[in-house]
């Protein structure tokens, strides 16, 4: 489903902070309704039950200001793996999780590269369009979730309590837990391969221009190729 606000609609892309966004909107005193999916969507990273929370603009076409959030595809894989591993919950009905499931993060990445190359880029494209811009709407970043949500709501003309949004505690932080943080780091080789696989989204959304060293396992660190930001789709 999509979250319908008085003057806008929120489309919840999986693992981009949407659970926090929904909670913050509720705490901010904005009345909302859930709008159901109107048609089928072919998107392997989202199963049919996932569409209940993760409807796309194509599945729920509403002629009003829309907003959604993305995150660096590299951290998307970290978050997804940590969430499923922590909760011991790999969904057999989801083709992506069924084929990529592994207790080892590096094997999970290899499975994703093999069976769903460019998976996050394709998923984002399903929400944002071919140019990753969400025409007529706003694309916020999970990396600056609070400020971008406030900006989106202001752009939409919503009436809300900003203080309540700022006081909303974080949600779903499995990848930041000490027990998982060191387990979902990339080797230089896997980082490079994933940057190539997700090049279209990383380049279009500007993530290829950021310092990516935080994703590397420093215990196994080897320098990235000099052209590491020249990603391709």
Protein backbone atom coordinates (compact mmCIF):
# COMPACT_ATOMS: atom_id res chain seq x y z
CA UNK A 1 0.00 0.00 0.00
CA UNK A 2 0.90 3.66 -0.32
CA UNK A 3 0.44 6.09 2.58
CA UNK A 4 -2.04 8.82 1.68
CA UNK A 5 -1.67 12.16 3.46
CA UNK A 6 -4.00 15.18 3.04
CA UNK A 7 -1.85 16.76 0.31
CA UNK A 8 0.61 14.06 -0.71
CA UNK A 9 1.36 10.35 -0.96
CA UNK A 10 4.32 8.41 0.43
CA UNK A 11 5.68 5.41 -1.46
CA UNK A 12 7.67 3.12 0.82
CA UNK A 13 10.71 1.56 -0.87
CA UNK A 14 11.92 -1.40 1.25
CA UNK A 15 14.87 -0.86 3.61
CA UNK A 16 15.15 2.90 3.05
CA UNK A 17 13.80 4.15 6.38
CA UNK A 18 10.13 3.88 5.50
CA UNK A 19 9.08 2.29 8.79
CA UNK A 20 10.53 5.28 10.61
CA UNK A 21 8.84 7.66 8.13
CA UNK A 22 5.45 6.10 8.74
CA UNK A 23 5.93 6.35 12.51
CA UNK A 24 7.19 9.93 12.34
CA UNK A 25 4.24 11.02 10.19
CA UNK A 26 1.85 9.49 12.71
CA UNK A 27 3.59 11.20 15.64
CA UNK A 28 3.53 14.51 13.76
CA UNK A 29 -0.27 14.45 13.85
CA UNK A 30 -0.86 14.09 10.12
CA UNK A 31 -4.02 12.12 9.27
CA UNK A 32 -3.32 9.24 6.90
CA UNK A 33 -4.98 6.41 5.03
CA UNK A 34 -3.54 3.34 3.33
CA UNK A 35 -4.27 3.02 -0.39
CA UNK A 36 -4.29 -0.48 -1.86
CA UNK A 37 -2.53 -1.85 -4.91
CA UNK A 38 -4.59 -1.52 -8.08
CA UNK A 39 -2.65 -3.91 -10.29
CA UNK A 40 0.19 -6.46 -10.46
CA UNK A 41 3.82 -5.37 -10.28
CA UNK A 42 6.76 -7.45 -11.51
CA UNK A 43 9.58 -6.62 -9.10
CA UNK A 44 11.60 -9.59 -7.77
CA UNK A 45 12.90 -7.87 -4.64
CA UNK A 46 9.32 -7.40 -3.42
CA UNK A 47 6.96 -10.33 -3.01
CA UNK A 48 3.16 -10.11 -3.25
CA UNK A 49 2.78 -9.64 0.50
CA UNK A 50 5.48 -6.99 0.48
CA UNK A 51 3.34 -4.95 -1.87
CA UNK A 52 1.00 -4.33 1.06
CA UNK A 53 3.54 -1.83 2.39
CA UNK A 54 5.68 -1.25 -0.68
CA UNK A 55 3.33 -0.27 -3.49
CA UNK A 56 4.83 1.58 -6.44
CA UNK A 57 3.39 4.65 -8.20
CA UNK A 58 2.44 2.35 -11.08
CA UNK A 59 0.47 0.09 -8.73
CA UNK A 60 -1.16 3.00 -6.89
CA UNK A 61 -1.29 5.89 -9.39
CA UNK A 62 -2.39 9.04 -7.56
CA UNK A 63 -2.34 12.48 -9.14
CA UNK A 64 -0.80 14.36 -6.24
CA UNK A 65 2.59 15.31 -4.82
CA UNK A 66 4.55 12.14 -4.09
CA UNK A 67 7.64 11.47 -2.04
CA UNK A 68 9.84 8.50 -1.27
CA UNK A 69 13.31 7.68 0.04
CA UNK A 70 16.36 5.88 -1.31
CA UNK A 71 19.69 4.91 0.19
CA UNK A 72 23.12 3.96 -1.08
CA UNK A 73 22.66 0.54 -2.75
CA UNK A 74 25.75 -0.67 -0.89
CA UNK A 75 24.14 0.01 2.48
CA UNK A 76 20.82 -1.36 1.20
CA UNK A 77 22.41 -4.80 0.91
CA UNK A 78 23.92 -4.45 4.37
CA UNK A 79 20.58 -3.49 5.89
CA UNK A 80 18.63 -6.22 4.13
CA UNK A 81 21.07 -8.94 5.08
CA UNK A 82 21.36 -7.80 8.72
CA UNK A 83 17.58 -7.58 9.11
CA UNK A 84 16.95 -11.06 7.71
CA UNK A 85 19.87 -12.61 9.59
CA UNK A 86 19.06 -10.99 12.93
CA UNK A 87 15.41 -12.04 12.73
CA UNK A 88 16.22 -15.42 11.13
CA UNK A 89 13.58 -14.53 8.57
CA UNK A 90 14.30 -15.20 4.92
CA UNK A 91 11.01 -15.14 3.03
CA UNK A 92 10.57 -18.20 0.83
CA UNK A 93 7.83 -16.40 -1.10
CA UNK A 94 10.26 -13.66 -2.14
CA UNK A 95 12.43 -14.83 -5.08
CA UNK A 96 15.28 -12.52 -4.07
CA UNK A 97 15.45 -13.78 -0.50
CA UNK A 98 14.88 -17.39 -1.49
CA UNK A 99 17.81 -17.43 -3.91
CA UNK A 100 20.18 -15.09 -2.07
CA UNK A 101 19.71 -16.22 1.55
CA UNK A 102 22.94 -16.91 3.43
CA UNK A 103 24.26 -16.48 6.95
CA UNK A 104 27.45 -15.17 5.35
CA UNK A 105 27.23 -11.60 4.03
CA UNK A 106 29.78 -12.14 1.28
CA UNK A 107 27.93 -15.20 -0.01
CA UNK A 108 24.69 -13.20 0.11
CA UNK A 109 26.33 -10.56 -2.09
CA UNK A 110 27.67 -13.18 -4.51
CA UNK A 111 24.20 -14.69 -4.78
CA UNK A 112 22.69 -11.27 -5.47
CA UNK A 113 25.31 -10.52 -8.12
CA UNK A 114 24.60 -13.87 -9.77
CA UNK A 115 20.82 -14.06 -9.64
CA UNK A 116 19.73 -10.42 -9.40
CA UNK A 117 22.42 -8.20 -10.94
CA UNK A 118 21.47 -4.56 -10.54
CA UNK A 119 18.61 -5.59 -8.27
CA UNK A 120 18.43 -2.39 -6.24
CA UNK A 121 18.81 -0.23 -9.35
CA UNK A 122 15.90 -2.07 -10.95
CA UNK A 123 13.80 -1.75 -7.81
CA UNK A 124 14.48 1.99 -7.55
CA UNK A 125 13.62 2.38 -11.22
CA UNK A 126 10.24 0.80 -10.52
CA UNK A 127 9.46 3.60 -8.08
CA UNK A 128 11.31 6.57 -9.54
CA UNK A 129 11.19 6.01 -13.28
CA UNK A 130 13.97 5.49 -15.79
CA UNK A 131 15.85 8.63 -14.74
CA UNK A 132 15.47 8.00 -10.98
CA UNK A 133 13.72 11.34 -10.44
CA UNK A 134 10.09 10.55 -9.43
CA UNK A 135 8.60 13.16 -11.79
CA UNK A 136 6.47 15.70 -9.95
CA UNK A 137 7.68 14.48 -6.57
CA UNK A 138 10.57 14.42 -4.12
CA UNK A 139 13.25 11.78 -3.60
CA UNK A 140 14.76 11.95 -0.11
CA UNK A 141 17.74 10.07 1.25
CA UNK A 142 17.81 7.62 4.12
CA UNK A 143 21.16 9.11 5.06
CA UNK A 144 19.42 12.40 6.00
CA UNK A 145 16.02 10.98 6.81
CA UNK A 146 14.79 13.52 9.37
CA UNK A 147 15.65 16.65 7.40
CA UNK A 148 14.43 15.25 4.09
CA UNK A 149 11.10 14.11 5.55
CA UNK A 150 10.52 17.58 6.98
CA UNK A 151 11.46 19.10 3.62
CA UNK A 152 9.09 16.77 1.74
CA UNK A 153 6.18 17.57 4.05
CA UNK A 154 6.81 21.30 3.67
CA UNK A 155 6.97 20.97 -0.11
CA UNK A 156 3.64 19.13 -0.01
CA UNK A 157 2.00 21.80 2.13
CA UNK A 158 1.22 19.42 4.99
CA UNK A 159 0.48 20.72 8.50
CA UNK A 160 2.61 18.88 11.04
CA UNK A 161 4.49 19.00 14.35
CA UNK A 162 8.16 19.22 13.41
CA UNK A 163 9.35 18.64 16.98
CA UNK A 164 7.56 15.28 17.13
CA UNK A 165 9.30 14.18 13.95
CA UNK A 166 12.69 15.09 15.36
CA UNK A 167 11.93 13.16 18.54
CA UNK A 168 10.87 9.98 16.76
CA UNK A 169 13.42 7.28 17.67
CA UNK A 170 15.23 5.33 14.94
CA UNK A 171 13.78 2.04 13.69
CA UNK A 172 15.21 -1.20 12.27
CA UNK A 173 18.90 -0.63 13.01
CA UNK A 174 20.11 -4.23 12.74
CA UNK A 175 23.08 -3.34 10.52
CA UNK A 176 24.36 -0.93 13.18
CA UNK A 177 24.30 -3.41 16.03
CA UNK A 178 27.78 -4.36 17.21
CA UNK A 179 27.10 -8.03 16.54
CA UNK A 180 26.28 -7.35 12.89
CA UNK A 181 28.24 -4.23 12.01
CA UNK A 182 31.53 -6.06 11.48
CA UNK A 183 29.80 -8.98 9.74
CA UNK A 184 28.35 -6.97 6.86
CA UNK A 185 31.41 -5.19 5.52
CA UNK A 186 32.64 -5.56 1.94
CA UNK A 187 35.92 -6.85 0.63
CA UNK A 188 37.46 -4.50 -1.95
CA UNK A 189 36.62 -7.00 -4.69
CA UNK A 190 32.97 -7.35 -3.72
CA UNK A 191 32.60 -3.60 -3.28
CA UNK A 192 33.94 -3.05 -6.77
CA UNK A 193 31.68 -5.73 -8.28
CA UNK A 194 28.61 -4.33 -6.57
CA UNK A 195 29.45 -0.80 -7.69
CA UNK A 196 29.50 -2.08 -11.26
CA UNK A 197 26.26 -4.00 -10.80
CA UNK A 198 24.44 -1.05 -9.21
CA UNK A 199 26.20 1.58 -11.29
CA UNK A 200 23.08 3.09 -12.84
CA UNK A 201 21.40 3.94 -9.54
CA UNK A 202 24.63 4.96 -7.83
CA UNK A 203 25.54 7.32 -10.64
CA UNK A 204 22.03 8.73 -11.13
CA UNK A 205 21.52 9.37 -7.40
CA UNK A 206 25.04 10.68 -6.77
CA UNK A 207 26.26 7.89 -4.54
CA UNK A 208 29.23 7.18 -6.80
CA UNK A 209 30.73 10.54 -5.78
CA UNK A 210 30.80 9.73 -2.06
CA UNK A 211 33.59 8.25 0.06
CA UNK A 212 32.88 4.52 0.07
CA UNK A 213 35.70 3.46 2.38
CA UNK A 214 33.25 3.06 5.28
CA UNK A 215 31.86 -0.04 3.55
CA UNK A 216 35.22 -1.81 3.50
CA UNK A 217 36.40 -4.36 6.01
CA UNK A 218 39.62 -2.65 7.09
CA UNK A 219 40.97 -5.95 8.39
CA UNK A 220 40.97 -7.24 4.82
CA UNK A 221 41.48 -3.92 3.12
CA UNK A 222 43.14 -3.66 -0.26
CA UNK A 223 43.04 -0.50 -2.37
CA UNK A 224 40.14 -0.04 -4.74
CA UNK A 225 40.99 0.41 -8.41
CA UNK A 226 41.80 4.00 -9.30
CA UNK A 227 38.65 4.24 -11.40
CA UNK A 228 36.36 2.99 -8.63
CA UNK A 229 33.82 5.80 -9.19
CA UNK A 230 33.41 5.13 -12.90
CA UNK A 231 30.50 2.78 -12.33
CA UNK A 232 28.47 1.32 -15.13
CA UNK A 233 25.01 -0.20 -15.09
